[in-house]
N, C-alpha and C. Protein backbone atom coordinates (compact mmCIF):
# COMPACT_ATOMS: atom_id res chain seq x y z
N MET A 1 5.23 -105.96 -19.15
CA MET A 1 5.14 -105.06 -18.01
C MET A 1 5.28 -103.62 -18.50
N SER A 2 4.44 -102.75 -18.03
CA SER A 2 4.46 -101.37 -18.49
C SER A 2 5.56 -100.59 -17.79
N THR A 3 5.95 -99.50 -18.42
CA THR A 3 6.98 -98.63 -17.86
C THR A 3 6.38 -97.81 -16.74
N PRO A 4 7.06 -97.76 -15.57
CA PRO A 4 6.52 -96.95 -14.48
C PRO A 4 6.47 -95.47 -14.85
N ALA A 5 5.54 -94.77 -14.26
CA ALA A 5 5.41 -93.33 -14.49
C ALA A 5 6.62 -92.63 -13.89
N SER A 6 6.97 -91.52 -14.48
CA SER A 6 8.09 -90.73 -13.96
C SER A 6 7.59 -89.76 -12.89
N VAL A 7 8.52 -89.27 -12.11
CA VAL A 7 8.19 -88.25 -11.11
C VAL A 7 7.62 -87.02 -11.81
N ALA A 8 8.16 -86.69 -12.98
CA ALA A 8 7.66 -85.53 -13.74
C ALA A 8 6.20 -85.72 -14.13
N ALA A 9 5.82 -86.95 -14.49
CA ALA A 9 4.42 -87.23 -14.86
C ALA A 9 3.51 -87.06 -13.65
N VAL A 10 3.99 -87.52 -12.49
CA VAL A 10 3.20 -87.37 -11.26
C VAL A 10 3.03 -85.89 -10.94
N PHE A 11 4.12 -85.14 -10.98
CA PHE A 11 4.06 -83.70 -10.70
C PHE A 11 3.11 -83.01 -11.66
N SER A 12 3.18 -83.36 -12.93
CA SER A 12 2.31 -82.75 -13.94
C SER A 12 0.84 -83.04 -13.65
N ALA A 13 0.54 -84.27 -13.26
CA ALA A 13 -0.85 -84.64 -12.95
C ALA A 13 -1.37 -83.86 -11.75
N VAL A 14 -0.53 -83.70 -10.75
CA VAL A 14 -0.94 -82.93 -9.57
C VAL A 14 -1.09 -81.46 -9.93
N SER A 15 -0.14 -80.95 -10.69
CA SER A 15 -0.18 -79.55 -11.11
C SER A 15 -1.42 -79.23 -11.94
N ASP A 16 -1.86 -80.20 -12.73
CA ASP A 16 -3.06 -80.00 -13.57
C ASP A 16 -4.33 -79.80 -12.74
N MET A 17 -4.30 -80.17 -11.47
CA MET A 17 -5.46 -80.00 -10.61
C MET A 17 -5.61 -78.56 -10.11
N GLU A 18 -4.58 -77.75 -10.26
CA GLU A 18 -4.58 -76.41 -9.68
C GLU A 18 -5.77 -75.56 -10.11
N GLU A 19 -6.06 -75.52 -11.39
CA GLU A 19 -7.16 -74.68 -11.87
C GLU A 19 -8.50 -75.11 -11.29
N GLU A 20 -8.72 -76.44 -11.23
CA GLU A 20 -9.98 -76.94 -10.68
C GLU A 20 -10.10 -76.60 -9.20
N VAL A 21 -9.00 -76.72 -8.45
CA VAL A 21 -9.02 -76.39 -7.02
C VAL A 21 -9.31 -74.91 -6.84
N ARG A 22 -8.68 -74.07 -7.63
CA ARG A 22 -8.92 -72.62 -7.52
C ARG A 22 -10.36 -72.28 -7.88
N ASP A 23 -10.92 -72.97 -8.87
CA ASP A 23 -12.32 -72.75 -9.22
C ASP A 23 -13.23 -73.12 -8.05
N LEU A 24 -12.95 -74.24 -7.39
CA LEU A 24 -13.76 -74.65 -6.24
C LEU A 24 -13.67 -73.62 -5.12
N VAL A 25 -12.49 -73.06 -4.91
CA VAL A 25 -12.33 -72.01 -3.89
C VAL A 25 -13.21 -70.81 -4.25
N GLY A 26 -13.21 -70.43 -5.52
CA GLY A 26 -14.04 -69.31 -5.97
C GLY A 26 -15.53 -69.58 -5.79
N PHE A 27 -15.95 -70.81 -6.12
CA PHE A 27 -17.36 -71.17 -5.91
C PHE A 27 -17.72 -71.10 -4.43
N ALA A 28 -16.83 -71.61 -3.59
CA ALA A 28 -17.08 -71.57 -2.14
C ALA A 28 -17.19 -70.14 -1.64
N GLN A 29 -16.33 -69.26 -2.13
CA GLN A 29 -16.38 -67.85 -1.73
C GLN A 29 -17.70 -67.22 -2.17
N ALA A 30 -18.13 -67.53 -3.38
CA ALA A 30 -19.40 -66.99 -3.87
C ALA A 30 -20.57 -67.47 -3.01
N LEU A 31 -20.56 -68.74 -2.66
CA LEU A 31 -21.63 -69.27 -1.83
C LEU A 31 -21.61 -68.66 -0.43
N CYS A 32 -20.42 -68.38 0.11
CA CYS A 32 -20.32 -67.71 1.41
C CYS A 32 -20.91 -66.30 1.34
N VAL A 33 -20.65 -65.61 0.25
CA VAL A 33 -21.20 -64.26 0.08
C VAL A 33 -22.72 -64.34 -0.02
N PHE A 34 -23.21 -65.28 -0.83
CA PHE A 34 -24.65 -65.44 -0.96
C PHE A 34 -25.28 -65.81 0.38
N GLY A 35 -24.65 -66.73 1.10
CA GLY A 35 -25.19 -67.18 2.38
C GLY A 35 -25.19 -66.10 3.45
N GLY A 36 -24.25 -65.18 3.36
CA GLY A 36 -24.17 -64.11 4.35
C GLY A 36 -24.94 -62.87 3.96
N SER A 37 -25.65 -62.94 2.86
CA SER A 37 -26.39 -61.81 2.34
C SER A 37 -27.87 -61.94 2.68
N SER A 38 -28.50 -60.81 2.83
CA SER A 38 -29.95 -60.84 3.07
C SER A 38 -30.73 -60.85 1.75
N ILE A 39 -30.03 -60.82 0.65
CA ILE A 39 -30.66 -60.82 -0.66
C ILE A 39 -31.04 -62.25 -1.05
N SER A 40 -32.22 -62.41 -1.60
CA SER A 40 -32.68 -63.72 -2.06
C SER A 40 -31.96 -64.10 -3.35
N ILE A 41 -31.50 -65.34 -3.40
CA ILE A 41 -30.80 -65.82 -4.59
C ILE A 41 -31.81 -66.53 -5.49
N PRO A 42 -31.87 -66.14 -6.75
CA PRO A 42 -32.80 -66.81 -7.67
C PRO A 42 -32.43 -68.29 -7.81
N PRO A 43 -33.44 -69.16 -7.86
CA PRO A 43 -33.17 -70.60 -7.99
C PRO A 43 -32.29 -70.94 -9.18
N LYS A 44 -32.46 -70.23 -10.29
CA LYS A 44 -31.63 -70.50 -11.48
C LYS A 44 -30.16 -70.24 -11.18
N ALA A 45 -29.85 -69.22 -10.39
CA ALA A 45 -28.47 -68.91 -10.04
C ALA A 45 -27.87 -70.04 -9.21
N VAL A 46 -28.64 -70.57 -8.28
CA VAL A 46 -28.18 -71.69 -7.46
C VAL A 46 -27.96 -72.92 -8.34
N TYR A 47 -28.87 -73.16 -9.26
CA TYR A 47 -28.77 -74.30 -10.16
C TYR A 47 -27.51 -74.20 -11.03
N VAL A 48 -27.25 -73.02 -11.56
CA VAL A 48 -26.06 -72.82 -12.40
C VAL A 48 -24.79 -73.07 -11.59
N LEU A 49 -24.75 -72.56 -10.36
CA LEU A 49 -23.60 -72.82 -9.49
C LEU A 49 -23.45 -74.31 -9.20
N ALA A 50 -24.55 -74.96 -8.91
CA ALA A 50 -24.51 -76.39 -8.61
C ALA A 50 -23.98 -77.20 -9.79
N GLU A 51 -24.44 -76.88 -11.00
CA GLU A 51 -23.95 -77.57 -12.19
C GLU A 51 -22.46 -77.35 -12.37
N ALA A 52 -22.00 -76.12 -12.18
CA ALA A 52 -20.58 -75.82 -12.32
C ALA A 52 -19.76 -76.54 -11.25
N LEU A 53 -20.27 -76.59 -10.04
CA LEU A 53 -19.58 -77.32 -8.96
C LEU A 53 -19.48 -78.81 -9.28
N GLU A 54 -20.56 -79.39 -9.75
CA GLU A 54 -20.55 -80.81 -10.10
C GLU A 54 -19.55 -81.11 -11.21
N ALA A 55 -19.54 -80.29 -12.24
CA ALA A 55 -18.62 -80.50 -13.36
C ALA A 55 -17.16 -80.34 -12.90
N THR A 56 -16.90 -79.33 -12.11
CA THR A 56 -15.55 -79.10 -11.61
C THR A 56 -15.11 -80.26 -10.72
N ALA A 57 -15.99 -80.69 -9.84
CA ALA A 57 -15.67 -81.81 -8.95
C ALA A 57 -15.41 -83.10 -9.74
N ALA A 58 -16.16 -83.33 -10.78
CA ALA A 58 -15.96 -84.54 -11.60
C ALA A 58 -14.59 -84.50 -12.29
N ARG A 59 -14.24 -83.34 -12.84
CA ARG A 59 -12.92 -83.20 -13.48
C ARG A 59 -11.80 -83.38 -12.46
N LEU A 60 -11.97 -82.78 -11.30
CA LEU A 60 -10.96 -82.88 -10.26
C LEU A 60 -10.81 -84.32 -9.78
N GLU A 61 -11.92 -85.02 -9.65
CA GLU A 61 -11.86 -86.42 -9.22
C GLU A 61 -11.09 -87.28 -10.23
N MET A 62 -11.32 -87.06 -11.52
CA MET A 62 -10.59 -87.80 -12.55
C MET A 62 -9.09 -87.48 -12.47
N GLN A 63 -8.76 -86.20 -12.30
CA GLN A 63 -7.36 -85.80 -12.21
C GLN A 63 -6.71 -86.39 -10.95
N TRP A 64 -7.44 -86.41 -9.85
CA TRP A 64 -6.95 -86.96 -8.59
C TRP A 64 -6.64 -88.45 -8.75
N GLU A 65 -7.57 -89.19 -9.36
CA GLU A 65 -7.36 -90.62 -9.57
C GLU A 65 -6.15 -90.88 -10.46
N LEU A 66 -5.98 -90.07 -11.50
CA LEU A 66 -4.82 -90.21 -12.38
C LEU A 66 -3.53 -89.95 -11.61
N ALA A 67 -3.53 -88.90 -10.79
CA ALA A 67 -2.33 -88.57 -10.02
C ALA A 67 -1.96 -89.72 -9.08
N PHE A 68 -2.94 -90.32 -8.42
CA PHE A 68 -2.65 -91.45 -7.53
C PHE A 68 -2.16 -92.66 -8.31
N LYS A 69 -2.75 -92.90 -9.47
CA LYS A 69 -2.31 -94.02 -10.31
C LYS A 69 -0.86 -93.82 -10.73
N LEU A 70 -0.54 -92.62 -11.19
CA LEU A 70 0.83 -92.34 -11.62
C LEU A 70 1.81 -92.41 -10.45
N ALA A 71 1.38 -91.92 -9.29
CA ALA A 71 2.25 -91.98 -8.11
C ALA A 71 2.54 -93.43 -7.73
N ALA A 72 1.53 -94.29 -7.81
CA ALA A 72 1.72 -95.71 -7.49
C ALA A 72 2.66 -96.36 -8.49
N GLU A 73 2.52 -96.00 -9.76
CA GLU A 73 3.41 -96.54 -10.79
C GLU A 73 4.83 -96.06 -10.59
N ALA A 74 5.01 -94.80 -10.25
CA ALA A 74 6.34 -94.22 -10.06
C ALA A 74 7.03 -94.84 -8.86
N LYS A 75 6.24 -95.26 -7.87
CA LYS A 75 6.79 -95.84 -6.65
C LYS A 75 7.40 -97.21 -6.91
N GLN A 76 6.91 -97.92 -7.93
CA GLN A 76 7.39 -99.28 -8.23
C GLN A 76 8.79 -99.29 -8.80
């Protein structure tokens, strides 16, 4: 039987998500500015943002799953 995760490990896993969440907030703000602007956005700029959003979301999803796994282990 494996050793349950500690509360510190759970906190660390959740804390590690902070940068990714802040990045997503920044991307959302940029898209709001672009959407509220009358200036045309070059397709390459949209593509670059989309790639960055996908990569950030993938990292955040992995961190989220780890945090839930550790929380479940700590609960036992």
